[in-house]
Amino acid sequence: MRTVLFSFSGADRSGITSRIFEALAEFDVSVLDVGQVVLRGRLTVGVLISAPVEEMEVALRQRLTVVAGELGLELLIQTGEGDGVQPEVGLHLTLMGMPLRPRAVASITEVISRLSGNIERIARVSDYPVVAIEFFVSGVDIDAMKTLLAPVAKENAVDIAVQPGGQARHSKRLVMLDVDSTLIQNEVIELLADRAGSGELVKEITTRAMNGEIDFSDAVRERVATLAGLTQEDIDEVQRSIALTPGARTLVETLHHLGIHVGLVSGGFIEVVAPLAHSLGIKFVRANSLEMVNGTLTGKVSGPIIDRAAKAHALKEFAESMSIPLDQTVAIGDGANDLDMIAAAGLGVAFNAKPIVAKVADASITAPYLDSVLFLLGITRREITSYQGV
C-alpha cells in the first residue's frame, strides 16, 4: 500500500490543525496516523494518509502546499510503502534531573542505540521542581537497560527509572508509604529520644538497623527501652515538631484526587503516625504501639513489632481488603525495613534510600521531592497543578 506523509512545521497558533484537516476532507483519503507536538511555541504536525490515485495525489499535494503557505508553515511530503505503524512501546524510561544536562540525555540515547533499541517518542513530564523527561522505547531488554543505565545515572547525578510499557503503571490503585525519612523528614524515635536524653545512642542504633546490620525488631526494643519515663506531653510535642518531606502533601492530595488509595506503614509509633495520617486524609495505617501506664511510657512496645515482614503483610492486607492485585500497588521506602514491602509491590520505589534498598528497588529517586513519584506513574506536572485547589 502506497502512503503519503505530510509534515508541517512552524509557529504554533490556534486553528492550524483544523485547517489542515479541512483541506484533507476535500479528498477521498483515509487517515492512517497523526502526530503533533509543540515545543517553545514551535509546532510540528505529521499526517499519514493512504495514497490516492496519481491524479488525486498531485491535486492533494498542491492543495496542502497552498494551505501551508497560507498558514506560514513549512511542508515536507514523503511517499512510501505501508502504513508505518510503530511497534508496540516496550519500555517507559523516566529521566529526572535538577538540573538536567545534555550529557545525561546523550548517555541515555547512546545506551539505547547500543542495545539496538528505538526511541518512539520523547515528552516532558515536569519542569519543576525537577525536570522530568520520558522516553518511549521499543526493541530493548528491560534488564539490560537497567544494568547499563545504572552507572549513567550515577555519573550524571540524575534519576533514571525504567518500567515495562503499556498501561500497567496507569492502573496503580494503592500507594503504601514508609513514614520516617520518607513521608516526613524526621525519625520520630530520635525526636523522642532527644527528649529522653538518649538521642545519640538511638541514632546509632537506627543507622545500623536501616542499613540492615542488625535485626530491626531488636533495634526497636533497644531504642524504645531508652524512652521510659516520657509522657503524653512529650509525644504531643514531638507530633508538633514533625516536618513533612517536600512534595509529600502534593503526592497524597494528587493520588486522592485520582481515586488512588494511600496507606502508611511504619516501624515508628501509632501515637504519632495516626494523627499525621488523619491530617492527610489517609485511612490505612499500621505502626508500632508504645506501652504506657498511668500516662508514662514504660520503655516497652505493646503488641507485635512492625518489622520488614509485617510491612509487606500490611501492604498485602490493605490491597486484599480493597480487591486490588499486588501488581497495581506501589511501595515507597528508604530503609532495610522496607525491602519486603518494596519487593512485593507492583512498583517498588527507593526514596533517598540506603544503598541496600536503592540496589533492589524498581526505581530510585534521589531528588528531595516526594511528589517526583507521580512522574513514575505517568502523571505530569501540568496535571498535578490542575488538580490543586479543585
Protein backbone atom coordinates (compact mmCIF):
# COMPACT_ATOMS: atom_id res chain seq x y z
CA MET A 1 0.00 0.00 0.00
CA ARG A 2 1.38 3.37 -1.05
CA THR A 3 1.16 6.10 1.56
CA VAL A 4 1.93 9.81 1.76
CA LEU A 5 3.25 11.61 4.83
CA PHE A 6 2.62 15.36 5.11
CA SER A 7 4.81 17.03 7.77
CA PHE A 8 4.02 20.64 8.71
CA SER A 9 6.22 22.80 10.95
CA GLY A 10 6.22 26.42 12.05
CA ALA A 11 4.99 28.86 14.67
CA ASP A 12 2.04 27.49 16.64
CA ARG A 13 -1.29 29.25 16.79
CA SER A 14 -4.93 28.33 17.13
CA GLY A 15 -6.71 26.65 14.24
CA ILE A 16 -3.76 25.16 12.33
CA THR A 17 -4.70 21.51 12.77
CA SER A 18 -8.30 22.29 11.89
CA ARG A 19 -7.27 23.99 8.62
CA ILE A 20 -5.07 21.06 7.63
CA PHE A 21 -7.83 18.51 8.12
CA GLU A 22 -10.44 20.70 6.44
CA ALA A 23 -8.22 20.62 3.36
CA LEU A 24 -7.74 16.85 3.62
CA ALA A 25 -11.51 16.41 3.92
CA GLU A 26 -11.88 17.68 0.34
CA PHE A 27 -10.32 14.41 -0.86
CA ASP A 28 -11.36 10.77 -0.63
CA VAL A 29 -8.44 9.57 1.51
CA SER A 30 -8.00 7.59 4.73
CA VAL A 31 -6.02 8.86 7.70
CA LEU A 32 -3.60 6.18 8.97
CA ASP A 33 -1.65 8.08 11.63
CA VAL A 34 -1.38 11.55 13.20
CA GLY A 35 1.34 13.05 15.37
CA GLN A 36 1.59 16.55 16.83
CA VAL A 37 3.97 18.27 19.23
CA VAL A 38 4.54 21.86 20.37
CA LEU A 39 7.90 22.88 21.82
CA ARG A 40 8.55 26.51 22.86
CA GLY A 41 5.79 27.68 20.51
CA ARG A 42 7.09 25.65 17.58
CA LEU A 43 4.51 23.25 16.10
CA THR A 44 5.16 20.05 14.20
CA VAL A 45 2.22 18.10 12.74
CA GLY A 46 2.52 14.89 10.78
CA VAL A 47 -0.39 13.25 8.93
CA LEU A 48 -0.01 9.87 7.20
CA ILE A 49 -2.67 9.00 4.61
CA SER A 50 -3.32 6.20 2.19
CA ALA A 51 -2.15 7.26 -1.25
CA PRO A 52 -4.97 8.03 -3.72
CA VAL A 53 -4.71 7.54 -7.45
CA GLU A 54 -1.88 9.52 -9.03
CA GLU A 55 -4.08 12.39 -10.27
CA MET A 56 -5.65 12.89 -6.83
CA GLU A 57 -2.25 12.72 -5.17
CA VAL A 58 -0.99 15.55 -7.34
CA ALA A 59 -4.04 17.67 -6.52
CA LEU A 60 -3.70 16.86 -2.83
CA ARG A 61 -0.04 17.92 -2.80
CA GLN A 62 -0.92 21.17 -4.50
CA ARG A 63 -3.80 21.91 -2.12
CA LEU A 64 -1.79 21.26 1.05
CA THR A 65 1.13 23.28 -0.29
CA VAL A 66 -1.23 26.25 -0.65
CA VAL A 67 -2.61 25.70 2.88
CA ALA A 68 0.90 25.51 4.32
CA GLY A 69 1.79 28.79 2.62
CA GLU A 70 -1.34 30.50 3.96
CA LEU A 71 -0.50 29.29 7.48
CA GLY A 72 3.14 30.26 7.25
CA LEU A 73 4.27 26.65 7.68
CA GLU A 74 7.00 24.59 6.08
CA LEU A 75 5.76 21.40 4.40
CA LEU A 76 7.66 18.20 3.76
CA ILE A 77 5.97 15.49 1.65
CA GLN A 78 7.19 11.90 1.61
CA THR A 79 5.74 8.95 -0.32
CA GLY A 80 6.37 5.40 0.86
CA GLU A 81 5.07 1.89 1.27
CA GLY A 82 2.95 0.56 4.17
CA ASP A 83 1.25 2.42 6.95
CA GLY A 84 4.37 2.81 9.04
CA VAL A 85 2.65 1.57 12.19
CA GLN A 86 5.16 1.80 15.03
CA PRO A 87 5.92 -1.29 17.09
CA GLU A 88 4.33 -1.56 20.49
CA VAL A 89 6.15 0.55 23.06
CA GLY A 90 8.36 -1.76 25.08
CA LEU A 91 9.57 0.49 27.89
CA HIS A 92 8.89 3.75 29.66
CA LEU A 93 12.14 5.42 30.66
CA THR A 94 11.78 8.38 33.03
CA LEU A 95 14.77 10.70 33.41
CA MET A 96 14.80 13.26 36.25
CA GLY A 97 17.44 15.85 36.97
CA MET A 98 17.90 19.07 38.88
CA PRO A 99 19.33 20.40 36.67
CA LEU A 100 19.17 18.14 33.62
CA ARG A 101 22.28 18.41 31.45
CA PRO A 102 22.65 17.41 27.78
CA ARG A 103 25.33 14.86 28.68
CA ALA A 104 22.79 12.78 30.60
CA VAL A 105 20.45 12.66 27.62
CA ALA A 106 23.35 11.85 25.29
CA SER A 107 24.45 8.97 27.52
CA ILE A 108 20.96 7.51 27.67
CA THR A 109 20.41 7.67 23.93
CA GLU A 110 23.84 6.09 23.40
CA VAL A 111 22.80 3.13 25.59
CA ILE A 112 19.53 2.74 23.69
CA SER A 113 21.44 2.77 20.40
CA ARG A 114 23.99 0.25 21.72
CA LEU A 115 21.11 -2.11 22.56
CA SER A 116 19.64 -1.61 19.05
CA GLY A 117 16.55 0.00 20.55
CA ASN A 118 14.35 2.65 19.01
CA ILE A 119 13.05 5.82 20.64
CA GLU A 120 9.42 6.10 19.59
CA ARG A 121 8.65 9.34 21.39
CA ILE A 122 10.10 11.78 23.93
CA ALA A 123 7.91 14.02 26.08
CA ARG A 124 8.44 16.33 29.04
CA VAL A 125 6.60 15.29 32.18
CA SER A 126 7.68 18.06 34.54
CA ASP A 127 9.61 21.33 34.55
CA TYR A 128 9.85 21.75 38.34
CA PRO A 129 11.00 21.10 41.00
CA VAL A 130 12.83 18.55 38.88
CA VAL A 131 12.93 18.37 35.10
CA ALA A 132 11.45 15.02 34.12
CA ILE A 133 11.62 13.67 30.58
CA GLU A 134 10.01 10.45 29.44
CA PHE A 135 11.30 8.24 26.64
CA PHE A 136 9.09 5.63 24.99
CA VAL A 137 11.49 2.93 23.80
CA SER A 138 10.97 -0.29 21.82
CA GLY A 139 13.18 -3.20 20.92
CA VAL A 140 15.27 -3.41 24.11
CA ASP A 141 15.51 -5.78 27.06
CA ILE A 142 14.49 -4.15 30.33
CA ASP A 143 17.15 -5.86 32.44
CA ALA A 144 19.92 -4.91 30.01
CA MET A 145 18.67 -1.32 30.02
CA LYS A 146 18.67 -1.12 33.81
CA THR A 147 22.16 -2.59 34.05
CA LEU A 148 23.70 -0.20 31.54
CA LEU A 149 21.84 2.87 32.81
CA ALA A 150 22.77 2.44 36.48
CA PRO A 151 26.27 3.93 36.03
CA VAL A 152 24.87 6.61 33.72
CA ALA A 153 22.57 7.82 36.49
CA LYS A 154 25.41 7.93 39.00
CA GLU A 155 27.88 9.66 36.68
CA ASN A 156 25.37 12.34 35.70
CA ALA A 157 23.72 12.81 39.12
CA VAL A 158 20.25 12.06 37.71
CA ASP A 159 17.48 9.56 38.44
CA ILE A 160 16.57 7.05 35.74
CA ALA A 161 13.61 4.70 36.11
CA VAL A 162 12.82 2.00 33.56
CA GLN A 163 9.39 0.34 33.58
CA PRO A 164 7.55 -2.06 31.28
CA GLY A 165 5.49 -0.32 28.61
CA GLY A 166 1.75 -0.26 28.26
CA GLN A 167 -0.95 0.82 30.68
CA ALA A 168 0.24 -1.10 33.76
CA ARG A 169 1.66 1.94 35.52
CA HIS A 170 -1.50 3.94 34.86
CA SER A 171 -3.54 1.28 36.65
CA LYS A 172 -1.95 1.69 40.09
CA ARG A 173 -4.67 1.82 42.77
CA LEU A 174 -2.80 1.71 46.09
CA VAL A 175 0.34 3.53 47.21
CA MET A 176 1.93 2.47 50.51
CA LEU A 177 4.44 4.79 52.15
CA ASP A 178 7.01 4.37 54.85
CA VAL A 179 6.84 7.31 57.26
CA ASP A 180 10.16 8.20 58.91
CA SER A 181 12.59 9.82 56.41
CA THR A 182 10.07 9.15 53.62
CA LEU A 183 6.73 10.85 54.22
CA ILE A 184 8.36 13.02 56.88
CA GLN A 185 11.88 14.40 57.17
CA ASN A 186 12.30 13.18 60.75
CA GLU A 187 12.94 9.92 62.57
CA VAL A 188 10.25 10.04 65.26
CA ILE A 189 12.05 7.75 67.67
CA GLU A 190 15.07 10.06 67.53
CA LEU A 191 12.89 13.05 68.37
CA LEU A 192 11.51 11.15 71.36
CA ALA A 193 14.99 10.02 72.35
CA ASP A 194 16.24 13.59 72.33
CA ARG A 195 13.61 14.39 74.94
CA ALA A 196 14.68 11.34 76.95
CA GLY A 197 18.38 12.22 76.74
CA SER A 198 19.28 9.13 74.68
CA GLY A 199 19.45 10.77 71.27
CA GLU A 200 22.99 9.81 70.23
CA LEU A 201 22.61 6.17 71.24
CA VAL A 202 19.29 5.85 69.42
CA LYS A 203 20.66 7.48 66.24
CA GLU A 204 23.49 4.97 66.14
CA ILE A 205 21.11 2.03 66.54
CA THR A 206 18.75 3.48 63.89
CA THR A 207 21.54 3.80 61.34
CA ARG A 208 22.64 0.21 61.84
CA ALA A 209 19.05 -1.04 61.55
CA MET A 210 18.29 0.92 58.38
CA ASN A 211 21.47 -0.39 56.77
CA GLY A 212 20.40 -3.93 57.60
CA GLU A 213 23.28 -4.51 60.02
CA ILE A 214 21.10 -5.55 62.97
CA ASP A 215 17.67 -7.11 63.34
CA PHE A 216 15.01 -4.42 63.19
CA SER A 217 12.87 -5.89 65.97
CA ASP A 218 15.83 -5.99 68.33
CA ALA A 219 16.68 -2.42 67.36
CA VAL A 220 13.13 -1.26 68.14
CA ARG A 221 13.22 -2.83 71.61
CA GLU A 222 16.65 -1.36 72.38
CA ARG A 223 15.61 2.12 71.34
CA VAL A 224 12.19 2.08 72.98
CA ALA A 225 13.78 0.98 76.26
CA THR A 226 15.54 4.36 76.40
CA LEU A 227 12.19 6.20 76.25
CA ALA A 228 10.95 5.00 79.65
CA GLY A 229 9.58 7.90 81.68
CA LEU A 230 8.38 10.08 78.78
CA THR A 231 4.78 11.30 78.96
CA GLN A 232 1.90 12.04 76.62
CA GLU A 233 3.00 15.67 76.68
CA ASP A 234 6.37 14.64 75.25
CA ILE A 235 4.62 12.71 72.47
CA ASP A 236 2.43 15.71 71.69
CA GLU A 237 5.49 17.98 71.49
CA VAL A 238 7.16 15.59 69.06
CA GLN A 239 3.99 15.43 66.98
CA ARG A 240 4.01 19.21 66.63
CA SER A 241 7.66 19.26 65.53
CA ILE A 242 7.26 16.84 62.61
CA ALA A 243 8.09 18.24 59.15
CA LEU A 244 6.59 16.69 56.01
CA THR A 245 9.00 15.86 53.20
CA PRO A 246 8.76 18.47 50.40
CA GLY A 247 6.11 17.31 47.94
CA ALA A 248 4.51 14.86 50.40
CA ARG A 249 1.22 16.71 50.67
CA THR A 250 1.09 17.21 46.89
CA LEU A 251 1.69 13.49 46.36
CA VAL A 252 -1.08 12.43 48.73
CA GLU A 253 -3.60 15.00 47.53
CA THR A 254 -2.97 14.18 43.87
CA LEU A 255 -3.33 10.44 44.47
CA HIS A 256 -6.57 11.01 46.37
CA HIS A 257 -7.88 13.27 43.59
CA LEU A 258 -7.25 10.45 41.11
CA GLY A 259 -9.02 7.92 43.32
CA ILE A 260 -5.82 6.11 44.27
CA HIS A 261 -5.73 4.80 47.84
CA VAL A 262 -2.86 5.79 50.13
CA GLY A 263 -1.64 3.87 53.17
CA LEU A 264 1.08 4.38 55.78
CA VAL A 265 3.07 1.54 57.30
CA SER A 266 5.73 2.48 59.79
CA GLY A 267 8.29 1.00 62.11
CA GLY A 268 7.56 4.11 64.16
CA PHE A 269 4.68 4.64 66.52
CA ILE A 270 0.95 4.82 66.03
CA GLU A 271 0.72 7.54 68.69
CA VAL A 272 2.47 9.90 66.27
CA VAL A 273 1.61 8.36 62.88
CA ALA A 274 -2.19 8.19 63.37
CA PRO A 275 -2.70 11.97 63.88
CA LEU A 276 -0.42 12.61 60.90
CA ALA A 277 -2.42 10.23 58.72
CA HIS A 278 -5.68 11.85 59.82
CA SER A 279 -4.38 15.30 58.84
CA LEU A 280 -3.65 13.99 55.34
CA GLY A 281 -6.92 12.09 54.94
CA ILE A 282 -5.17 8.71 54.99
CA LYS A 283 -7.28 5.88 56.42
CA PHE A 284 -4.94 2.90 56.18
CA VAL A 285 -2.28 2.99 58.91
CA ARG A 286 -0.06 0.37 60.54
CA ALA A 287 2.64 1.16 63.15
CA ASN A 288 4.08 0.07 66.48
CA SER A 289 2.35 0.99 69.73
CA LEU A 290 4.17 2.30 72.80
CA GLU A 291 3.19 0.80 76.14
CA MET A 292 2.00 3.46 78.56
CA VAL A 293 0.98 3.07 82.22
CA ASN A 294 -0.56 5.95 84.15
CA GLY A 295 0.37 8.39 81.40
CA THR A 296 4.04 7.38 81.31
CA LEU A 297 5.96 5.26 78.78
CA THR A 298 7.27 2.01 80.24
CA GLY A 299 10.06 1.55 77.69
CA LYS A 300 8.27 -1.39 76.04
CA VAL A 301 6.35 -1.95 72.82
CA SER A 302 2.73 -3.03 73.11
CA GLY A 303 1.76 -5.75 70.63
CA PRO A 304 3.68 -7.17 67.66
CA ILE A 305 6.56 -5.16 66.18
CA ILE A 306 6.17 -3.82 62.65
CA ASP A 307 9.29 -5.24 61.01
CA ARG A 308 10.03 -5.75 57.32
CA ALA A 309 7.83 -8.85 57.10
CA ALA A 310 4.97 -7.05 58.85
CA LYS A 311 5.24 -4.14 56.40
CA ALA A 312 4.89 -6.47 53.43
CA HIS A 313 1.97 -8.18 55.17
CA ALA A 314 0.27 -4.81 55.72
CA LEU A 315 0.61 -3.98 52.02
CA LYS A 316 -0.94 -7.32 51.05
CA GLU A 317 -3.68 -6.98 53.67
CA PHE A 318 -4.68 -3.47 52.60
CA ALA A 319 -4.62 -4.47 48.92
CA GLU A 320 -6.71 -7.59 49.55
CA SER A 321 -9.27 -5.64 51.60
CA MET A 322 -9.93 -3.49 48.52
CA SER A 323 -9.59 -6.31 45.96
CA ILE A 324 -6.52 -4.69 44.45
CA PRO A 325 -3.98 -7.03 42.77
CA LEU A 326 -0.42 -6.54 44.04
CA ASP A 327 0.77 -5.57 40.56
CA GLN A 328 -1.44 -2.49 40.91
CA THR A 329 0.32 -1.34 44.08
CA VAL A 330 3.27 0.96 44.77
CA ALA A 331 5.53 0.79 47.83
CA ILE A 332 7.86 3.66 48.79
CA GLY A 333 10.56 3.48 51.45
CA ASP A 334 14.15 4.22 52.38
CA GLY A 335 15.49 1.54 54.73
CA ALA A 336 16.12 -2.18 55.03
CA ASN A 337 12.85 -2.48 56.93
CA ASP A 338 11.05 -1.61 53.67
CA LEU A 339 12.71 -4.26 51.49
CA ASP A 340 9.97 -6.91 51.64
CA MET A 341 7.24 -4.36 51.00
CA ILE A 342 9.14 -2.90 48.04
CA ALA A 343 9.70 -6.39 46.62
CA ALA A 344 6.02 -7.33 46.97
CA ALA A 345 4.59 -4.25 45.26
CA GLY A 346 3.99 -3.87 41.56
CA LEU A 347 6.34 -0.87 41.65
CA GLY A 348 8.90 -0.55 44.44
CA VAL A 349 10.42 2.91 44.85
CA ALA A 350 13.52 3.71 46.90
CA PHE A 351 13.27 7.32 48.08
CA ASN A 352 16.59 8.86 49.15
CA ALA A 353 17.28 5.36 50.34
CA LYS A 354 20.10 3.38 51.83
CA PRO A 355 22.27 1.62 49.17
CA ILE A 356 20.85 -1.80 50.05
CA VAL A 357 17.35 -0.53 49.16
CA ALA A 358 18.25 1.51 46.07
CA LYS A 359 20.02 -1.52 44.61
CA VAL A 360 16.94 -3.76 44.57
CA ALA A 361 14.05 -1.31 44.07
CA ASP A 362 12.38 -0.97 40.68
CA ALA A 363 13.10 2.77 40.74
CA SER A 364 15.26 5.02 42.88
CA ILE A 365 14.65 8.72 43.50
CA THR A 366 17.44 10.88 44.95
CA ALA A 367 15.73 14.25 44.46
CA PRO A 368 14.36 15.54 47.80
CA TYR A 369 10.79 15.89 46.47
CA LEU A 370 8.35 13.11 47.24
CA ASP A 371 5.89 14.15 44.53
CA SER A 372 8.52 13.06 41.98
CA VAL A 373 6.96 9.61 42.44
CA LEU A 374 3.97 10.87 40.46
CA PHE A 375 6.12 11.20 37.34
CA LEU A 376 6.91 7.49 37.51
CA LEU A 377 3.15 6.87 37.26
CA GLY A 378 2.89 8.96 34.10
CA ILE A 379 1.24 11.91 35.89
CA THR A 380 2.54 15.22 34.57
CA ARG A 381 3.28 18.42 36.45
CA ARG A 382 0.58 20.14 34.38
CA GLU A 383 -1.98 17.59 35.58
CA ILE A 384 -0.83 17.96 39.19
CA THR A 385 -1.20 21.73 39.01
CA SER A 386 -4.68 21.43 37.51
CA TYR A 387 -5.81 19.23 40.41
CA GLN A 388 -4.60 21.61 43.12
CA GLY A 389 -7.37 23.66 44.63
CA VAL A 390 -10.06 21.56 42.92
